[in-house]
N, C-alpha and C. Protein backbone atom coordinates (compact mmCIF):
# COMPACT_ATOMS: atom_id res chain seq x y z
N MET A 1 16.10 -5.15 -20.82
CA MET A 1 14.67 -4.98 -20.99
C MET A 1 13.94 -5.99 -20.10
N LYS A 2 12.94 -5.51 -19.43
CA LYS A 2 12.17 -6.35 -18.52
C LYS A 2 11.19 -7.20 -19.33
N THR A 3 11.03 -8.45 -18.90
CA THR A 3 10.17 -9.38 -19.62
C THR A 3 8.76 -9.38 -19.02
N THR A 4 7.87 -10.04 -19.74
CA THR A 4 6.51 -10.19 -19.25
C THR A 4 6.51 -10.96 -17.93
N ALA A 5 7.37 -11.96 -17.82
CA ALA A 5 7.46 -12.75 -16.58
C ALA A 5 7.83 -11.85 -15.40
N TYR A 6 8.74 -10.90 -15.61
CA TYR A 6 9.14 -9.97 -14.55
C TYR A 6 7.92 -9.20 -14.05
N TYR A 7 7.15 -8.65 -14.97
CA TYR A 7 5.99 -7.85 -14.58
C TYR A 7 4.91 -8.71 -13.94
N GLN A 8 4.77 -9.95 -14.38
CA GLN A 8 3.81 -10.86 -13.76
C GLN A 8 4.23 -11.17 -12.32
N LYS A 9 5.52 -11.41 -12.11
CA LYS A 9 6.01 -11.67 -10.75
C LYS A 9 5.82 -10.45 -9.86
N ARG A 10 6.09 -9.29 -10.41
CA ARG A 10 5.94 -8.06 -9.63
C ARG A 10 4.47 -7.84 -9.24
N LYS A 11 3.58 -8.11 -10.17
CA LYS A 11 2.16 -7.96 -9.90
C LYS A 11 1.71 -8.97 -8.84
N GLU A 12 2.18 -10.21 -8.95
CA GLU A 12 1.86 -11.24 -7.96
C GLU A 12 2.43 -10.88 -6.59
N PHE A 13 3.65 -10.35 -6.59
CA PHE A 13 4.27 -9.91 -5.34
C PHE A 13 3.38 -8.86 -4.67
N ALA A 14 2.96 -7.86 -5.43
CA ALA A 14 2.12 -6.79 -4.87
C ALA A 14 0.82 -7.35 -4.32
N ARG A 15 0.20 -8.28 -5.05
CA ARG A 15 -1.06 -8.87 -4.60
C ARG A 15 -0.87 -9.61 -3.27
N LEU A 16 0.17 -10.43 -3.19
CA LEU A 16 0.42 -11.20 -1.98
C LEU A 16 0.83 -10.30 -0.82
N TYR A 17 1.61 -9.28 -1.11
CA TYR A 17 2.07 -8.36 -0.07
C TYR A 17 0.90 -7.59 0.54
N ARG A 18 -0.03 -7.16 -0.33
CA ARG A 18 -1.20 -6.42 0.15
C ARG A 18 -2.07 -7.27 1.07
N MET A 19 -2.08 -8.59 0.85
CA MET A 19 -2.87 -9.48 1.69
C MET A 19 -2.42 -9.44 3.14
N GLY A 20 -1.12 -9.20 3.36
CA GLY A 20 -0.59 -9.10 4.71
C GLY A 20 -0.41 -10.43 5.42
N LYS A 21 -0.52 -11.52 4.70
CA LYS A 21 -0.40 -12.85 5.32
C LYS A 21 1.01 -13.41 5.28
N TYR A 22 1.85 -12.85 4.43
CA TYR A 22 3.18 -13.42 4.20
C TYR A 22 4.26 -12.37 4.42
N THR A 23 5.45 -12.84 4.79
CA THR A 23 6.60 -11.95 4.89
C THR A 23 7.18 -11.75 3.50
N GLN A 24 8.03 -10.75 3.37
CA GLN A 24 8.73 -10.52 2.10
C GLN A 24 9.50 -11.78 1.70
N ARG A 25 10.16 -12.37 2.67
CA ARG A 25 10.96 -13.57 2.42
C ARG A 25 10.08 -14.70 1.88
N ASP A 26 8.92 -14.91 2.51
CA ASP A 26 8.00 -15.96 2.07
C ASP A 26 7.56 -15.73 0.63
N ILE A 27 7.18 -14.50 0.34
CA ILE A 27 6.71 -14.18 -1.01
C ILE A 27 7.83 -14.36 -2.01
N ALA A 28 9.04 -13.93 -1.67
CA ALA A 28 10.18 -14.08 -2.57
C ALA A 28 10.38 -15.55 -2.93
N LYS A 29 10.32 -16.42 -1.93
CA LYS A 29 10.47 -17.86 -2.18
C LYS A 29 9.32 -18.39 -3.03
N MET A 30 8.10 -17.93 -2.74
CA MET A 30 6.92 -18.43 -3.45
C MET A 30 6.97 -18.11 -4.93
N ILE A 31 7.44 -16.90 -5.28
CA ILE A 31 7.40 -16.51 -6.69
C ILE A 31 8.77 -16.59 -7.37
N GLY A 32 9.78 -17.00 -6.61
CA GLY A 32 11.09 -17.24 -7.21
C GLY A 32 11.90 -15.99 -7.51
N ILE A 33 11.96 -15.06 -6.55
CA ILE A 33 12.80 -13.88 -6.71
C ILE A 33 13.75 -13.80 -5.52
N ARG A 34 14.80 -13.00 -5.64
CA ARG A 34 15.75 -12.80 -4.55
C ARG A 34 15.11 -11.92 -3.47
N GLU A 35 15.56 -12.11 -2.25
CA GLU A 35 15.04 -11.29 -1.14
C GLU A 35 15.35 -9.81 -1.35
N ALA A 36 16.50 -9.53 -1.94
CA ALA A 36 16.87 -8.13 -2.23
C ALA A 36 15.87 -7.50 -3.19
N THR A 37 15.42 -8.27 -4.16
CA THR A 37 14.42 -7.78 -5.11
C THR A 37 13.11 -7.51 -4.37
N ALA A 38 12.73 -8.41 -3.47
CA ALA A 38 11.50 -8.22 -2.69
C ALA A 38 11.59 -6.94 -1.87
N SER A 39 12.73 -6.70 -1.24
CA SER A 39 12.91 -5.47 -0.45
C SER A 39 12.77 -4.23 -1.31
N GLN A 40 13.37 -4.27 -2.49
CA GLN A 40 13.28 -3.13 -3.41
C GLN A 40 11.83 -2.90 -3.82
N TRP A 41 11.13 -3.96 -4.14
CA TRP A 41 9.74 -3.82 -4.56
C TRP A 41 8.87 -3.27 -3.43
N VAL A 42 9.14 -3.66 -2.19
CA VAL A 42 8.38 -3.12 -1.06
C VAL A 42 8.59 -1.62 -0.96
N ARG A 43 9.84 -1.18 -1.09
CA ARG A 43 10.12 0.27 -1.03
C ARG A 43 9.38 1.01 -2.15
N GLU A 44 9.34 0.41 -3.32
CA GLU A 44 8.67 1.05 -4.45
C GLU A 44 7.15 1.02 -4.30
N LEU A 45 6.63 -0.02 -3.66
CA LEU A 45 5.18 -0.17 -3.52
C LEU A 45 4.59 0.66 -2.39
N ALA A 46 5.37 1.01 -1.40
CA ALA A 46 4.84 1.68 -0.21
C ALA A 46 3.98 2.90 -0.54
N PRO A 47 4.46 3.84 -1.35
CA PRO A 47 3.60 5.00 -1.65
C PRO A 47 2.33 4.61 -2.39
N VAL A 48 2.42 3.63 -3.27
CA VAL A 48 1.25 3.18 -4.03
C VAL A 48 0.22 2.56 -3.09
N LEU A 49 0.69 1.72 -2.18
CA LEU A 49 -0.23 1.08 -1.24
C LEU A 49 -0.88 2.10 -0.31
N LEU A 50 -0.14 3.10 0.10
CA LEU A 50 -0.73 4.15 0.95
C LEU A 50 -1.78 4.94 0.19
N CYS A 51 -1.52 5.22 -1.06
CA CYS A 51 -2.52 5.95 -1.87
C CYS A 51 -3.80 5.12 -2.00
N ALA A 52 -3.64 3.82 -2.22
CA ALA A 52 -4.81 2.94 -2.34
C ALA A 52 -5.57 2.90 -1.03
N THR A 53 -4.85 2.83 0.08
CA THR A 53 -5.50 2.82 1.39
C THR A 53 -6.25 4.12 1.63
N LYS A 54 -5.63 5.22 1.29
CA LYS A 54 -6.29 6.52 1.45
C LYS A 54 -7.56 6.59 0.60
N ARG A 55 -7.47 6.12 -0.63
CA ARG A 55 -8.64 6.13 -1.51
C ARG A 55 -9.76 5.27 -0.92
N ASN A 56 -9.39 4.08 -0.43
CA ASN A 56 -10.40 3.19 0.17
C ASN A 56 -11.04 3.81 1.39
N LEU A 57 -10.24 4.46 2.23
CA LEU A 57 -10.80 5.12 3.42
C LEU A 57 -11.73 6.27 3.03
N THR A 58 -11.35 7.01 2.00
CA THR A 58 -12.19 8.11 1.54
C THR A 58 -13.52 7.59 1.02
N GLU A 59 -13.47 6.52 0.25
CA GLU A 59 -14.70 5.91 -0.25
C GLU A 59 -15.56 5.40 0.90
N GLU A 60 -14.90 4.79 1.89
CA GLU A 60 -15.63 4.29 3.05
C GLU A 60 -16.24 5.45 3.83
N LEU A 61 -15.51 6.55 3.94
CA LEU A 61 -16.04 7.74 4.61
C LEU A 61 -17.31 8.21 3.92
N ASP A 62 -17.27 8.29 2.61
CA ASP A 62 -18.45 8.73 1.87
C ASP A 62 -19.63 7.78 2.10
N ARG A 63 -19.34 6.49 2.09
CA ARG A 63 -20.40 5.50 2.27
C ARG A 63 -20.99 5.56 3.68
N VAL A 64 -20.10 5.62 4.67
CA VAL A 64 -20.54 5.60 6.06
C VAL A 64 -21.27 6.88 6.44
N THR A 65 -20.79 8.01 5.99
CA THR A 65 -21.44 9.27 6.38
C THR A 65 -22.78 9.44 5.67
N ALA A 66 -23.00 8.68 4.61
CA ALA A 66 -24.31 8.73 3.96
C ALA A 66 -25.38 8.13 4.88
N LEU A 67 -24.94 7.24 5.76
CA LEU A 67 -25.85 6.67 6.75
C LEU A 67 -25.79 7.54 8.00
N GLN A 68 -26.85 8.18 8.33
CA GLN A 68 -26.86 9.15 9.43
C GLN A 68 -26.39 8.57 10.76
N LYS A 69 -26.66 7.30 11.00
CA LYS A 69 -26.30 6.73 12.30
C LYS A 69 -24.80 6.64 12.50
N TYR A 70 -24.01 6.73 11.41
CA TYR A 70 -22.55 6.68 11.52
C TYR A 70 -21.89 8.04 11.33
N ALA A 71 -22.67 9.07 11.20
CA ALA A 71 -22.13 10.40 10.92
C ALA A 71 -21.17 10.88 12.00
N GLU A 72 -21.36 10.43 13.25
CA GLU A 72 -20.47 10.87 14.33
C GLU A 72 -19.05 10.33 14.16
N ASN A 73 -18.84 9.31 13.32
CA ASN A 73 -17.51 8.76 13.08
C ASN A 73 -16.74 9.52 12.00
N ARG A 74 -17.37 10.48 11.38
CA ARG A 74 -16.74 11.22 10.28
C ARG A 74 -15.43 11.86 10.70
N ASP A 75 -15.38 12.52 11.84
CA ASP A 75 -14.16 13.19 12.29
C ASP A 75 -13.02 12.19 12.53
N THR A 76 -13.36 11.05 13.09
CA THR A 76 -12.35 10.02 13.32
C THR A 76 -11.77 9.52 11.99
N ILE A 77 -12.64 9.28 11.05
CA ILE A 77 -12.18 8.80 9.74
C ILE A 77 -11.34 9.86 9.05
N LEU A 78 -11.76 11.13 9.14
CA LEU A 78 -10.97 12.21 8.55
C LEU A 78 -9.60 12.32 9.21
N ASP A 79 -9.54 12.11 10.51
CA ASP A 79 -8.25 12.12 11.21
C ASP A 79 -7.36 10.99 10.70
N LEU A 80 -7.93 9.82 10.49
CA LEU A 80 -7.16 8.69 9.97
C LEU A 80 -6.63 8.99 8.57
N ILE A 81 -7.46 9.56 7.73
CA ILE A 81 -7.02 9.92 6.38
C ILE A 81 -5.89 10.93 6.45
N SER A 82 -6.01 11.89 7.34
CA SER A 82 -4.94 12.89 7.52
C SER A 82 -3.64 12.23 7.96
N ASP A 83 -3.75 11.28 8.89
CA ASP A 83 -2.56 10.56 9.35
C ASP A 83 -1.91 9.79 8.21
N ILE A 84 -2.73 9.16 7.40
CA ILE A 84 -2.20 8.39 6.27
C ILE A 84 -1.51 9.33 5.28
N GLU A 85 -2.09 10.48 5.03
CA GLU A 85 -1.46 11.45 4.13
C GLU A 85 -0.10 11.89 4.67
N ARG A 86 -0.02 12.10 5.97
CA ARG A 86 1.24 12.49 6.60
C ARG A 86 2.30 11.40 6.43
N VAL A 87 1.91 10.15 6.68
CA VAL A 87 2.83 9.03 6.52
C VAL A 87 3.23 8.88 5.05
N GLU A 88 2.27 9.08 4.17
CA GLU A 88 2.55 9.01 2.73
C GLU A 88 3.62 10.03 2.33
N ARG A 89 3.51 11.23 2.84
CA ARG A 89 4.51 12.27 2.52
C ARG A 89 5.88 11.87 3.07
N LEU A 90 5.92 11.32 4.28
CA LEU A 90 7.19 10.90 4.88
C LEU A 90 7.83 9.77 4.07
N ILE A 91 7.03 8.81 3.67
CA ILE A 91 7.57 7.69 2.89
C ILE A 91 8.06 8.17 1.53
N THR A 92 7.29 9.02 0.89
CA THR A 92 7.69 9.54 -0.41
C THR A 92 8.99 10.32 -0.29
N ARG A 93 9.11 11.14 0.75
CA ARG A 93 10.32 11.91 0.98
C ARG A 93 11.51 10.98 1.21
N ALA A 94 11.32 9.95 2.03
CA ALA A 94 12.41 8.99 2.31
C ALA A 94 12.79 8.22 1.05
N TYR A 95 11.77 7.82 0.27
CA TYR A 95 12.04 7.08 -0.97
C TYR A 95 12.82 7.96 -1.95
N ASN A 96 12.41 9.20 -2.11
CA ASN A 96 13.11 10.10 -3.03
C ASN A 96 14.53 10.38 -2.58
N ALA A 97 14.75 10.45 -1.28
CA ALA A 97 16.09 10.70 -0.75
C ALA A 97 17.01 9.51 -0.98
N SER A 98 16.44 8.30 -1.03
CA SER A 98 17.28 7.09 -1.20
C SER A 98 17.62 6.83 -2.65
N ASN A 99 16.97 7.51 -3.58
CA ASN A 99 17.25 7.29 -5.01
C ASN A 99 18.11 8.38 -5.60
């Protein structure tokens, strides 16, 4: 059974990883987990992080296109969202194949 400390470390790992300032190895040392555990958590987090990125881009698209002066960027943002969805499907497929 996983403890509260496990879930706290996992949550802290995700927070630090999303920041993009540290390597997996650095974060593992900082929070006291094995590098293998960090690698596993990265594989598990990838689809979640992509979904969050897609959601943020969609929200930004709505905000930016509400301002008429940025409306010409709508197609570019939609293309980026499409690219992220494609990568998300590839990562999910690879993750499911490895389990």
